[in-house]
PDB file of all heavy atoms in Angstrom:
ATOM      1  N   ILE A   1       0.825  -1.210   0.000  1.00  0.00           N
ATOM      2  CA  ILE A   1       0.000   0.000   0.000  1.00  0.00           C
ATOM      3  C   ILE A   1       0.861   1.262   0.000  1.00  0.00           C
ATOM      4  O   ILE A   1       0.573   2.236  -0.706  1.00  0.00           O
ATOM      5  CB  ILE A   1      -0.966   0.012   1.191  1.00  0.00           C
ATOM      6  CG1 ILE A   1      -1.914  -1.194   1.108  1.00  0.00           C
ATOM      7  CG2 ILE A   1      -1.770   1.305   1.223  1.00  0.00           C
ATOM      8  CD1 ILE A   1      -2.752  -1.254  -0.137  1.00  0.00           C
ATOM      9  N   ALA A   2       1.947   1.260   0.772  1.00  0.00           N
ATOM     10  CA  ALA A   2       2.814   2.443   0.810  1.00  0.00           C
ATOM     11  C   ALA A   2       3.416   2.714  -0.567  1.00  0.00           C
ATOM     12  O   ALA A   2       3.514   3.870  -1.007  1.00  0.00           O
ATOM     13  CB  ALA A   2       3.912   2.253   1.850  1.00  0.00           C
ATOM     14  N   ALA A   3       3.822   1.657  -1.275  1.00  0.00           N
ATOM     15  CA  ALA A   3       4.385   1.829  -2.617  1.00  0.00           C
ATOM     16  C   ALA A   3       3.325   2.325  -3.591  1.00  0.00           C
ATOM     17  O   ALA A   3       3.616   3.108  -4.503  1.00  0.00           O
ATOM     18  CB  ALA A   3       4.979   0.513  -3.107  1.00  0.00           C
ATOM     19  N   LEU A   4       2.088   1.871  -3.395  1.00  0.00           N
ATOM     20  CA  LEU A   4       0.985   2.314  -4.239  1.00  0.00           C
ATOM     21  C   LEU A   4       0.785   3.823  -4.112  1.00  0.00           C
ATOM     22  O   LEU A   4       0.514   4.515  -5.094  1.00  0.00           O
ATOM     23  CB  LEU A   4      -0.285   1.558  -3.844  1.00  0.00           C
ATOM     24  CG  LEU A   4      -1.596   1.876  -4.557  1.00  0.00           C
ATOM     25  CD1 LEU A   4      -2.441   0.627  -4.661  1.00  0.00           C
ATOM     26  CD2 LEU A   4      -2.374   2.956  -3.802  1.00  0.00           C
ATOM     27  N   VAL A   5       0.947   4.349  -2.897  1.00  0.00           N
ATOM     28  CA  VAL A   5       0.731   5.775  -2.641  1.00  0.00           C
ATOM     29  C   VAL A   5       1.982   6.596  -2.954  1.00  0.00           C
ATOM     30  O   VAL A   5       1.912   7.651  -3.591  1.00  0.00           O
ATOM     31  CB  VAL A   5       0.317   5.999  -1.175  1.00  0.00           C
ATOM     32  CG1 VAL A   5       0.218   7.497  -0.862  1.00  0.00           C
ATOM     33  CG2 VAL A   5      -1.010   5.310  -0.881  1.00  0.00           C
ATOM     34  N   GLY A   6       3.140   6.101  -2.520  1.00  0.00           N
ATOM     35  CA  GLY A   6       4.362   6.889  -2.616  1.00  0.00           C
ATOM     36  C   GLY A   6       5.322   6.502  -3.716  1.00  0.00           C
ATOM     37  O   GLY A   6       6.363   7.137  -3.875  1.00  0.00           O
ATOM     38  N   GLY A   7       5.006   5.447  -4.476  1.00  0.00           N
ATOM     39  CA  GLY A   7       5.909   4.997  -5.529  1.00  0.00           C
ATOM     40  C   GLY A   7       6.792   3.867  -5.056  1.00  0.00           C
ATOM     41  O   GLY A   7       6.706   3.420  -3.908  1.00  0.00           O
ATOM     42  N   PRO A   8       7.677   3.365  -5.925  1.00  0.00           N
ATOM     43  CA  PRO A   8       8.538   2.217  -5.605  1.00  0.00           C
ATOM     44  C   PRO A   8       9.205   2.354  -4.245  1.00  0.00           C
ATOM     45  O   PRO A   8       9.717   3.418  -3.890  1.00  0.00           O
ATOM     46  CB  PRO A   8       9.562   2.227  -6.746  1.00  0.00           C
ATOM     47  CG  PRO A   8       8.800   2.811  -7.890  1.00  0.00           C
ATOM     48  CD  PRO A   8       7.922   3.875  -7.285  1.00  0.00           C
ATOM     49  N   ALA A   9       9.189   1.255  -3.482  1.00  0.00           N
ATOM     50  CA  ALA A   9       9.674   1.282  -2.104  1.00  0.00           C
ATOM     51  C   ALA A   9      11.089   0.712  -1.998  1.00  0.00           C
ATOM     52  O   ALA A   9      11.455  -0.185  -2.762  1.00  0.00           O
ATOM     53  CB  ALA A   9       8.729   0.484  -1.202  1.00  0.00           C
ATOM     54  N   PRO A  10      11.877   1.192  -1.026  1.00  0.00           N
ATOM     55  CA  PRO A  10      13.253   0.692  -0.840  1.00  0.00           C
ATOM     56  C   PRO A  10      13.302  -0.578  -0.012  1.00  0.00           C
ATOM     57  O   PRO A  10      14.116  -0.722   0.896  1.00  0.00           O
ATOM     58  CB  PRO A  10      13.927   1.860  -0.116  1.00  0.00           C
ATOM     59  CG  PRO A  10      12.829   2.433   0.719  1.00  0.00           C
ATOM     60  CD  PRO A  10      11.577   2.304  -0.105  1.00  0.00           C
ATOM     61  N   VAL A  11      12.409  -1.522  -0.306  1.00  0.00           N
ATOM     62  CA  VAL A  11      12.337  -2.778   0.442  1.00  0.00           C
ATOM     63  C   VAL A  11      12.214  -3.942  -0.525  1.00  0.00           C
ATOM     64  O   VAL A  11      11.895  -3.753  -1.708  1.00  0.00           O
ATOM     65  CB  VAL A  11      11.141  -2.801   1.422  1.00  0.00           C
ATOM     66  CG1 VAL A  11      11.241  -1.684   2.445  1.00  0.00           C
ATOM     67  CG2 VAL A  11       9.813  -2.712   0.655  1.00  0.00           C
ATOM     68  N   SER A  12      12.442  -5.146  -0.013  1.00  0.00           N
ATOM     69  CA  SER A  12      12.163  -6.371  -0.739  1.00  0.00           C
ATOM     70  C   SER A  12      11.185  -7.198   0.086  1.00  0.00           C
ATOM     71  O   SER A  12      11.094  -7.024   1.311  1.00  0.00           O
ATOM     72  CB  SER A  12      13.453  -7.166  -0.990  1.00  0.00           C
ATOM     73  OG  SER A  12      14.340  -6.446  -1.829  1.00  0.00           O
ATOM     74  N   VAL A  13      10.457  -8.096  -0.567  1.00  0.00           N
ATOM     75  CA  VAL A  13       9.437  -8.907   0.106  1.00  0.00           C
ATOM     76  C   VAL A  13       9.754 -10.377  -0.148  1.00  0.00           C
ATOM     77  O   VAL A  13       9.782 -10.820  -1.307  1.00  0.00           O
ATOM     78  CB  VAL A  13       8.027  -8.559  -0.390  1.00  0.00           C
ATOM     79  CG1 VAL A  13       6.988  -9.445   0.307  1.00  0.00           C
ATOM     80  CG2 VAL A  13       7.717  -7.092  -0.161  1.00  0.00           C
ATOM     81  N   GLN A  14       9.976 -11.120   0.924  1.00  0.00           N
ATOM     82  CA  GLN A  14      10.411 -12.513   0.849  1.00  0.00           C
ATOM     83  C   GLN A  14       9.370 -13.440   1.467  1.00  0.00           C
ATOM     84  O   GLN A  14       8.844 -13.168   2.553  1.00  0.00           O
ATOM     85  CB  GLN A  14      11.741 -12.657   1.588  1.00  0.00           C
ATOM     86  CG  GLN A  14      12.317 -14.057   1.629  1.00  0.00           C
ATOM     87  CD  GLN A  14      13.576 -14.114   2.469  1.00  0.00           C
ATOM     88  OE1 GLN A  14      13.829 -13.224   3.284  1.00  0.00           O
ATOM     89  NE2 GLN A  14      14.381 -15.134   2.285  1.00  0.00           N
ATOM     90  N   ILE A  15       9.074 -14.529   0.779  1.00  0.00           N
ATOM     91  CA  ILE A  15       8.130 -15.526   1.275  1.00  0.00           C
ATOM     92  C   ILE A  15       8.893 -16.481   2.197  1.00  0.00           C
ATOM     93  O   ILE A  15       9.769 -17.221   1.743  1.00  0.00           O
ATOM     94  CB  ILE A  15       7.484 -16.306   0.117  1.00  0.00           C
ATOM     95  CG1 ILE A  15       6.923 -15.359  -0.937  1.00  0.00           C
ATOM     96  CG2 ILE A  15       6.402 -17.234   0.645  1.00  0.00           C
ATOM     97  CD1 ILE A  15       5.865 -14.416  -0.437  1.00  0.00           C
ATOM     98  N   LEU A  16       8.575 -16.471   3.496  1.00  0.00           N
ATOM     99  CA  LEU A  16       9.270 -17.327   4.456  1.00  0.00           C
ATOM    100  C   LEU A  16       8.698 -18.734   4.503  1.00  0.00           C
ATOM    101  O   LEU A  16       9.433 -19.709   4.645  1.00  0.00           O
ATOM    102  CB  LEU A  16       9.208 -16.714   5.857  1.00  0.00           C
ATOM    103  CG  LEU A  16       9.987 -15.422   6.095  1.00  0.00           C
ATOM    104  CD1 LEU A  16       9.904 -15.032   7.555  1.00  0.00           C
ATOM    105  CD2 LEU A  16      11.428 -15.560   5.653  1.00  0.00           C
ATOM    106  N   THR A  17       7.373 -18.842   4.428  1.00  0.00           N
ATOM    107  CA  THR A  17       6.723 -20.152   4.368  1.00  0.00           C
ATOM    108  C   THR A  17       5.807 -20.161   3.148  1.00  0.00           C
ATOM    109  O   THR A  17       5.427 -19.091   2.645  1.00  0.00           O
ATOM    110  CB  THR A  17       5.877 -20.424   5.627  1.00  0.00           C
ATOM    111  OG1 THR A  17       4.781 -19.490   5.678  1.00  0.00           O
ATOM    112  CG2 THR A  17       6.707 -20.280   6.897  1.00  0.00           C
ATOM    113  N   ASP A  18       5.460 -21.340   2.652  1.00  0.00           N
ATOM    114  CA  ASP A  18       4.534 -21.401   1.524  1.00  0.00           C
ATOM    115  C   ASP A  18       3.355 -20.474   1.806  1.00  0.00           C
ATOM    116  O   ASP A  18       2.770 -20.498   2.899  1.00  0.00           O
ATOM    117  CB  ASP A  18       4.029 -22.825   1.322  1.00  0.00           C
ATOM    118  CG  ASP A  18       5.126 -23.760   0.819  1.00  0.00           C
ATOM    119  OD1 ASP A  18       6.207 -23.265   0.465  1.00  0.00           O
ATOM    120  OD2 ASP A  18       4.888 -24.982   0.793  1.00  0.00           O
ATOM    121  N   ALA A  19       3.016 -19.639   0.830  1.00  0.00           N
ATOM    122  CA  ALA A  19       2.011 -18.604   1.067  1.00  0.00           C
ATOM    123  C   ALA A  19       1.017 -18.522  -0.085  1.00  0.00           C
ATOM    124  O   ALA A  19       1.326 -18.883  -1.228  1.00  0.00           O
ATOM    125  CB  ALA A  19       2.686 -17.247   1.266  1.00  0.00           C
ATOM    126  N   ALA A  20      -0.170 -18.046   0.235  1.00  0.00           N
ATOM    127  CA  ALA A  20      -1.195 -17.761  -0.767  1.00  0.00           C
ATOM    128  C   ALA A  20      -1.565 -16.288  -0.652  1.00  0.00           C
ATOM    129  O   ALA A  20      -1.752 -15.772   0.456  1.00  0.00           O
ATOM    130  CB  ALA A  20      -2.427 -18.641  -0.533  1.00  0.00           C
ATOM    131  N   LEU A  21      -1.628 -15.610  -1.791  1.00  0.00           N
ATOM    132  CA  LEU A  21      -1.966 -14.202  -1.811  1.00  0.00           C
ATOM    133  C   LEU A  21      -3.021 -13.929  -2.874  1.00  0.00           C
ATOM    134  O   LEU A  21      -3.160 -14.677  -3.841  1.00  0.00           O
ATOM    135  CB  LEU A  21      -0.744 -13.332  -2.117  1.00  0.00           C
ATOM    136  CG  LEU A  21       0.334 -13.239  -1.055  1.00  0.00           C
ATOM    137  CD1 LEU A  21       1.390 -14.312  -1.264  1.00  0.00           C
ATOM    138  CD2 LEU A  21       0.985 -11.864  -1.067  1.00  0.00           C
ATOM    139  N   LEU A  22      -3.746 -12.843  -2.669  1.00  0.00           N
ATOM    140  CA  LEU A  22      -4.664 -12.336  -3.666  1.00  0.00           C
ATOM    141  C   LEU A  22      -4.063 -11.019  -4.152  1.00  0.00           C
ATOM    142  O   LEU A  22      -4.049 -10.029  -3.415  1.00  0.00           O
ATOM    143  CB  LEU A  22      -6.049 -12.118  -3.058  1.00  0.00           C
ATOM    144  CG  LEU A  22      -7.188 -11.841  -4.035  1.00  0.00           C
ATOM    145  CD1 LEU A  22      -7.439 -13.073  -4.914  1.00  0.00           C
ATOM    146  CD2 LEU A  22      -8.465 -11.467  -3.293  1.00  0.00           C
ATOM    147  N   MET A  23      -3.528 -11.024  -5.385  1.00  0.00           N
ATOM    148  CA  MET A  23      -2.867  -9.840  -5.917  1.00  0.00           C
ATOM    149  C   MET A  23      -3.919  -8.878  -6.460  1.00  0.00           C
ATOM    150  O   MET A  23      -4.701  -9.210  -7.351  1.00  0.00           O
ATOM    151  CB  MET A  23      -1.873 -10.233  -7.007  1.00  0.00           C
ATOM    152  CG  MET A  23      -0.817 -11.232  -6.548  1.00  0.00           C
ATOM    153  SD  MET A  23       0.084 -10.726  -5.049  1.00  0.00           S
ATOM    154  CE  MET A  23       0.858  -9.214  -5.625  1.00  0.00           C
ATOM    155  N   LEU A  24      -3.953  -7.682  -5.879  1.00  0.00           N
ATOM    156  CA  LEU A  24      -4.969  -6.696  -6.204  1.00  0.00           C
ATOM    157  C   LEU A  24      -4.529  -5.815  -7.374  1.00  0.00           C
ATOM    158  O   LEU A  24      -3.334  -5.628  -7.616  1.00  0.00           O
ATOM    159  CB  LEU A  24      -5.259  -5.838  -4.979  1.00  0.00           C
ATOM    160  CG  LEU A  24      -5.654  -6.619  -3.720  1.00  0.00           C
ATOM    161  CD1 LEU A  24      -5.757  -5.678  -2.526  1.00  0.00           C
ATOM    162  CD2 LEU A  24      -6.969  -7.354  -3.928  1.00  0.00           C
ATOM    163  N   ASN A  25      -5.504  -5.245  -8.072  1.00  0.00           N
ATOM    164  CA  ASN A  25      -5.216  -4.387  -9.212  1.00  0.00           C
ATOM    165  C   ASN A  25      -4.747  -3.015  -8.720  1.00  0.00           C
ATOM    166  O   ASN A  25      -5.494  -2.281  -8.069  1.00  0.00           O
ATOM    167  CB  ASN A  25      -6.467  -4.233 -10.086  1.00  0.00           C
ATOM    168  CG  ASN A  25      -6.186  -3.502 -11.370  1.00  0.00           C
ATOM    169  OD1 ASN A  25      -5.867  -2.330 -11.381  1.00  0.00           O
ATOM    170  ND2 ASN A  25      -6.317  -4.219 -12.483  1.00  0.00           N
ATOM    171  N   VAL A  26      -3.496  -2.678  -9.022  1.00  0.00           N
ATOM    172  CA  VAL A  26      -2.902  -1.433  -8.532  1.00  0.00           C
ATOM    173  C   VAL A  26      -3.653  -0.216  -9.051  1.00  0.00           C
ATOM    174  O   VAL A  26      -3.946   0.726  -8.293  1.00  0.00           O
ATOM    175  CB  VAL A  26      -1.413  -1.368  -8.938  1.00  0.00           C
ATOM    176  CG1 VAL A  26      -0.833   0.015  -8.646  1.00  0.00           C
ATOM    177  CG2 VAL A  26      -0.616  -2.434  -8.187  1.00  0.00           C
ATOM    178  N   ARG A  27      -3.984  -0.209 -10.335  1.00  0.00           N
ATOM    179  CA  ARG A  27      -4.666   0.953 -10.905  1.00  0.00           C
ATOM    180  C   ARG A  27      -6.044   1.161 -10.297  1.00  0.00           C
ATOM    181  O   ARG A  27      -6.473   2.302 -10.067  1.00  0.00           O
ATOM    182  CB  ARG A  27      -4.773   0.796 -12.429  1.00  0.00           C
ATOM    183  CG  ARG A  27      -3.428   0.892 -13.153  1.00  0.00           C
ATOM    184  CD  ARG A  27      -3.603   0.830 -14.657  1.00  0.00           C
ATOM    185  NE  ARG A  27      -2.324   0.940 -15.338  1.00  0.00           N
ATOM    186  CZ  ARG A  27      -2.157   0.901 -16.648  1.00  0.00           C
ATOM    187  NH1 ARG A  27      -3.240   0.751 -17.430  1.00  0.00           N
ATOM    188  NH2 ARG A  27      -0.970   1.015 -17.190  1.00  0.00           N
ATOM    189  N   THR A  28      -6.737   0.060 -10.025  1.00  0.00           N
ATOM    190  CA  THR A  28      -8.063   0.164  -9.397  1.00  0.00           C
ATOM    191  C   THR A  28      -7.940   0.789  -8.012  1.00  0.00           C
ATOM    192  O   THR A  28      -8.727   1.678  -7.640  1.00  0.00           O
ATOM    193  CB  THR A  28      -8.723  -1.214  -9.291  1.00  0.00           C
ATOM    194  OG1 THR A  28      -8.931  -1.745 -10.598  1.00  0.00           O
ATOM    195  CG2 THR A  28     -10.062  -1.128  -8.570  1.00  0.00           C
ATOM    196  N   LEU A  29      -6.959   0.336  -7.239  1.00  0.00           N
ATOM    197  CA  LEU A  29      -6.764   0.879  -5.900  1.00  0.00           C
ATOM    198  C   LEU A  29      -6.378   2.358  -5.960  1.00  0.00           C
ATOM    199  O   LEU A  29      -6.883   3.179  -5.177  1.00  0.00           O
ATOM    200  CB  LEU A  29      -5.683   0.092  -5.173  1.00  0.00           C
ATOM    201  CG  LEU A  29      -6.073  -1.294  -4.665  1.00  0.00           C
ATOM    202  CD1 LEU A  29      -4.829  -2.044  -4.197  1.00  0.00           C
ATOM    203  CD2 LEU A  29      -7.078  -1.185  -3.526  1.00  0.00           C
ATOM    204  N   GLN A  30      -5.481   2.718  -6.864  1.00  0.00           N
ATOM    205  CA  GLN A  30      -5.061   4.115  -6.974  1.00  0.00           C
ATOM    206  C   GLN A  30      -6.208   5.018  -7.398  1.00  0.00           C
ATOM    207  O   GLN A  30      -6.404   6.101  -6.835  1.00  0.00           O
ATOM    208  CB  GLN A  30      -3.907   4.231  -7.970  1.00  0.00           C
ATOM    209  CG  GLN A  30      -2.594   3.647  -7.459  1.00  0.00           C
ATOM    210  CD  GLN A  30      -1.501   3.654  -8.505  1.00  0.00           C
ATOM    211  OE1 GLN A  30      -1.776   3.501  -9.703  1.00  0.00           O
ATOM    212  NE2 GLN A  30      -0.260   3.816  -8.066  1.00  0.00           N
ATOM    213  N   SER A  31      -6.979   4.565  -8.369  1.00  0.00           N
ATOM    214  CA  SER A  31      -8.109   5.358  -8.842  1.00  0.00           C
ATOM    215  C   SER A  31      -9.167   5.518  -7.752  1.00  0.00           C
ATOM    216  O   SER A  31      -9.665   6.621  -7.503  1.00  0.00           O
ATOM    217  CB  SER A  31      -8.723   4.688 -10.072  1.00  0.00           C
ATOM    218  OG  SER A  31      -9.882   5.376 -10.495  1.00  0.00           O
ATOM    219  N   SER A  32      -9.488   4.412  -7.074  1.00  0.00           N
ATOM    220  CA  SER A  32     -10.496   4.476  -6.010  1.00  0.00           C
ATOM    221  C   SER A  32     -10.016   5.325  -4.840  1.00  0.00           C
ATOM    222  O   SER A  32     -10.809   6.022  -4.203  1.00  0.00           O
ATOM    223  CB  SER A  32     -10.833   3.060  -5.528  1.00  0.00           C
ATOM    224  OG  SER A  32     -11.417   2.293  -6.565  1.00  0.00           O
ATOM    225  N   GLY A  33      -8.708   5.279  -4.575  1.00  0.00           N
ATOM    226  CA  GLY A  33      -8.163   6.088  -3.491  1.00  0.00           C
ATOM    227  C   GLY A  33      -8.304   7.572  -3.735  1.00  0.00           C
ATOM    228  O   GLY A  33      -8.387   8.372  -2.790  1.00  0.00           O
ATOM    229  N   GLN A  34      -8.353   7.955  -5.004  1.00  0.00           N
ATOM    230  CA  GLN A  34      -8.463   9.365  -5.364  1.00  0.00           C
ATOM    231  C   GLN A  34      -9.912   9.827  -5.537  1.00  0.00           C
ATOM    232  O   GLN A  34     -10.186  11.025  -5.478  1.00  0.00           O
ATOM    233  CB  GLN A  34      -7.683   9.629  -6.653  1.00  0.00           C
ATOM    234  CG  GLN A  34      -6.183   9.420  -6.512  1.00  0.00           C
ATOM    235  CD  GLN A  34      -5.457   9.489  -7.846  1.00  0.00           C
ATOM    236  OE1 GLN A  34      -6.025   9.910  -8.853  1.00  0.00           O
ATOM    237  NE2 GLN A  34      -4.212   9.063  -7.864  1.00  0.00           N
ATOM    238  N   THR A  35     -10.813   8.881  -5.774  1.00  0.00           N
ATOM    239  CA  THR A  35     -12.208   9.258  -6.055  1.00  0.00           C
ATOM    240  C   THR A  35     -13.189   8.829  -4.969  1.00  0.00           C
ATOM    241  O   THR A  35     -14.287   9.389  -4.884  1.00  0.00           O
ATOM    242  CB  THR A  35     -12.660   8.647  -7.397  1.00  0.00           C
ATOM    243  OG1 THR A  35     -12.534   7.212  -7.341  1.00  0.00           O
ATOM    244  CG2 THR A  35     -11.802   9.177  -8.537  1.00  0.00           C
ATOM    245  N   GLU A  36     -12.807   7.837  -4.163  1.00  0.00           N
ATOM    246  CA  GLU A  36     -13.685   7.337  -3.096  1.00  0.00           C
ATOM    247  C   GLU A  36     -13.086   7.719  -1.741  1.00  0.00           C
ATOM    248  O   GLU A  36     -12.052   7.173  -1.348  1.00  0.00           O
ATOM    249  CB  GLU A  36     -13.840   5.820  -3.179  1.00  0.00           C
ATOM    250  CG  GLU A  36     -14.560   5.313  -4.423  1.00  0.00           C
ATOM    251  CD  GLU A  36     -16.066   5.514  -4.311  1.00  0.00           C
ATOM    252  OE1 GLU A  36     -16.545   5.899  -3.209  1.00  0.00           O
ATOM    253  OE2 GLU A  36     -16.761   5.293  -5.312  1.00  0.00           O
ATOM    254  N   PRO A  37     -13.707   8.648  -1.020  1.00  0.00           N
ATOM    255  CA  PRO A  37     -13.140   9.099   0.259  1.00  0.00           C
ATOM    256  C   PRO A  37     -12.857   7.961   1.241  1.00  0.00           C
ATOM    257  O   PRO A  37     -11.835   7.984   1.933  1.00  0.00           O
ATOM    258  CB  PRO A  37     -14.218  10.047   0.803  1.00  0.00           C
ATOM    259  CG  PRO A  37     -14.912  10.560  -0.424  1.00  0.00           C
ATOM    260  CD  PRO A  37     -14.927   9.393  -1.368  1.00  0.00           C
ATOM    261  N   ARG A  38     -13.712   6.965   1.284  1.00  0.00           N
ATOM    262  CA  ARG A  38     -13.517   5.882   2.250  1.00  0.00           C
ATOM    263  C   ARG A  38     -12.295   5.037   1.888  1.00  0.00           C
ATOM    264  O   ARG A  38     -11.582   4.559   2.769  1.00  0.00           O
ATOM    265  CB  ARG A  38     -14.771   5.005   2.343  1.00  0.00           C
ATOM    266  CG  ARG A  38     -15.995   5.758   2.870  1.00  0.00           C
ATOM    267  CD  ARG A  38     -17.132   4.832   3.243  1.00  0.00           C
ATOM    268  NE  ARG A  38     -16.801   3.999   4.388  1.00  0.00           N
ATOM    269  CZ  ARG A  38     -17.700   3.321   5.096  1.00  0.00           C
ATOM    270  NH1 ARG A  38     -18.981   3.393   4.765  1.00  0.00           N
ATOM    271  NH2 ARG A  38     -17.344   2.580   6.104  1.00  0.00           N
ATOM    272  N   VAL A  39     -12.057   4.866   0.598  1.00  0.00           N
ATOM    273  CA  VAL A  39     -10.871   4.125   0.178  1.00  0.00           C
ATOM    274  C   VAL A  39      -9.623   4.953   0.439  1.00  0.00           C
ATOM    275  O   VAL A  39      -8.599   4.444   0.910  1.00  0.00           O
ATOM    276  CB  VAL A  39     -10.960   3.736  -1.317  1.00  0.00           C
ATOM    277  CG1 VAL A  39      -9.671   3.051  -1.763  1.00  0.00           C
ATOM    278  CG2 VAL A  39     -12.146   2.820  -1.554  1.00  0.00           C
ATOM    279  N   GLY A  40      -9.692   6.250   0.138  1.00  0.00           N
ATOM    280  CA  GLY A  40      -8.559   7.126   0.408  1.00  0.00           C
ATOM    281  C   GLY A  40      -8.181   7.129   1.881  1.00  0.00           C
ATOM    282  O   GLY A  40      -6.995   7.087   2.234  1.00  0.00           O
ATOM    283  N   TRP A  41      -9.194   7.167   2.744  1.00  0.00           N
ATOM    284  CA  TRP A  41      -8.934   7.146   4.188  1.00  0.00           C
ATOM    285  C   TRP A  41      -8.353   5.803   4.612  1.00  0.00           C
ATOM    286  O   TRP A  41      -7.443   5.746   5.450  1.00  0.00           O
ATOM    287  CB  TRP A  41     -10.219   7.439   4.948  1.00  0.00           C
ATOM    288  CG  TRP A  41     -10.049   7.501   6.443  1.00  0.00           C
ATOM    289  CD1 TRP A  41     -10.596   6.656   7.355  1.00  0.00           C
ATOM    290  CD2 TRP A  41      -9.287   8.454   7.177  1.00  0.00           C
ATOM    291  NE1 TRP A  41     -10.235   7.019   8.619  1.00  0.00           N
ATOM    292  CE2 TRP A  41      -9.421   8.115   8.556  1.00  0.00           C
ATOM    293  CE3 TRP A  41      -8.508   9.545   6.815  1.00  0.00           C
ATOM    294  CZ2 TRP A  41      -8.798   8.848   9.566  1.00  0.00           C
ATOM    295  CZ3 TRP A  41      -7.890  10.286   7.830  1.00  0.00           C
ATOM    296  CH2 TRP A  41      -8.038   9.927   9.173  1.00  0.00           C
ATOM    297  N   LEU A  42      -8.850   4.710   4.019  1.00  0.00           N
ATOM    298  CA  LEU A  42      -8.315   3.382   4.332  1.00  0.00           C
ATOM    299  C   LEU A  42      -6.839   3.292   3.956  1.00  0.00           C
ATOM    300  O   LEU A  42      -6.028   2.760   4.726  1.00  0.00           O
ATOM    301  CB  LEU A  42      -9.121   2.319   3.584  1.00  0.00           C
ATOM    302  CG  LEU A  42      -8.711   0.856   3.799  1.00  0.00           C
ATOM    303  CD1 LEU A  42      -9.941  -0.046   3.733  1.00  0.00           C
ATOM    304  CD2 LEU A  42      -7.706   0.398   2.740  1.00  0.00           C
TER     305      LEU A  42
END
């Protein structure tokens, strides 16, 4: 989320144990954050 708001982050993300994720659409989140107050606040 921080990278979505502020741009590429100076971190790496490592999977320590087998993991399952739901990869969200970045553009949808960015657009909703700018047009939907509740998403922006979240």
